[in-house]
Protein backbone atom coordinates (compact mmCIF):
# COMPACT_ATOMS: atom_id res chain seq x y z
CA UNK A 1 0.00 -0.01 -0.03
CA UNK A 2 1.30 3.38 -0.85
CA UNK A 3 1.50 6.64 0.99
CA UNK A 4 -1.82 8.49 1.38
CA UNK A 5 -2.09 12.17 2.07
CA UNK A 6 -3.74 12.70 5.41
CA UNK A 7 -3.97 15.48 8.14
CA UNK A 8 -1.23 15.05 10.86
CA UNK A 9 -2.47 14.16 14.31
CA UNK A 10 0.71 15.45 15.86
CA UNK A 11 2.04 18.32 13.95
CA UNK A 12 -0.95 20.68 13.81
CA UNK A 13 -1.91 24.21 14.69
CA UNK A 14 -5.42 24.43 13.25
CA UNK A 15 -6.38 21.15 11.86
CA UNK A 16 -3.04 19.32 10.69
CA UNK A 17 -3.40 19.89 6.93
CA UNK A 18 -0.07 21.47 6.72
CA UNK A 19 1.67 19.06 8.95
CA UNK A 20 0.24 16.09 6.92
CA UNK A 21 1.40 17.61 3.67
CA UNK A 22 4.95 18.19 5.10
CA UNK A 23 4.89 14.56 6.27
CA UNK A 24 3.89 13.40 2.96
CA UNK A 25 6.52 15.26 1.00
CA UNK A 26 9.13 15.08 3.57
CA UNK A 27 9.45 18.78 4.05
CA UNK A 28 8.98 21.00 7.21
CA UNK A 29 5.46 21.89 7.91
CA UNK A 30 6.59 25.49 8.50
CA UNK A 31 7.57 25.79 4.78
CA UNK A 32 4.03 24.43 3.89
CA UNK A 33 2.50 26.88 6.08
CA UNK A 34 4.22 29.86 4.64
CA UNK A 35 3.34 28.68 1.06
CA UNK A 36 -0.38 28.67 1.89
CA UNK A 37 0.01 32.18 3.49
CA UNK A 38 2.01 33.75 0.56
CA UNK A 39 -0.06 32.13 -2.12
CA UNK A 40 -3.26 33.15 -0.74
CA UNK A 41 -4.67 29.42 -1.10
CA UNK A 42 -7.05 29.73 1.69
CA UNK A 43 -9.97 28.17 -0.40
CA UNK A 44 -7.57 25.01 -1.13
CA UNK A 45 -6.83 24.77 2.46
CA UNK A 46 -10.43 24.78 3.59
CA UNK A 47 -11.20 22.11 1.12
CA UNK A 48 -8.31 20.03 2.38
CA UNK A 49 -9.57 20.57 6.06
CA UNK A 50 -13.07 19.25 4.97
CA UNK A 51 -11.97 16.23 2.70
CA UNK A 52 -8.58 14.82 4.17
CA UNK A 53 -8.88 12.02 6.68
CA UNK A 54 -7.01 12.43 9.86
CA UNK A 55 -4.02 10.16 10.44
CA UNK A 56 -4.79 7.78 13.21
CA UNK A 57 -2.90 7.85 16.36
CA UNK A 58 -1.17 4.87 17.78
CA UNK A 59 -3.07 3.71 21.09
CA UNK A 60 -1.43 1.26 23.47
């Protein structure tokens, strides 16, 4: 099974979208957050908040 883009359950400020994108591409979530801010991609961000699944957390 390949990688799937999901919201991060640990690297989150608002909903985990940028953390999940950072984890998926292997880059810092700060860079992803800055890209969203500087490109004005708020509509895309909102769509990702609604449609991305949250990565499950490990429960022991």
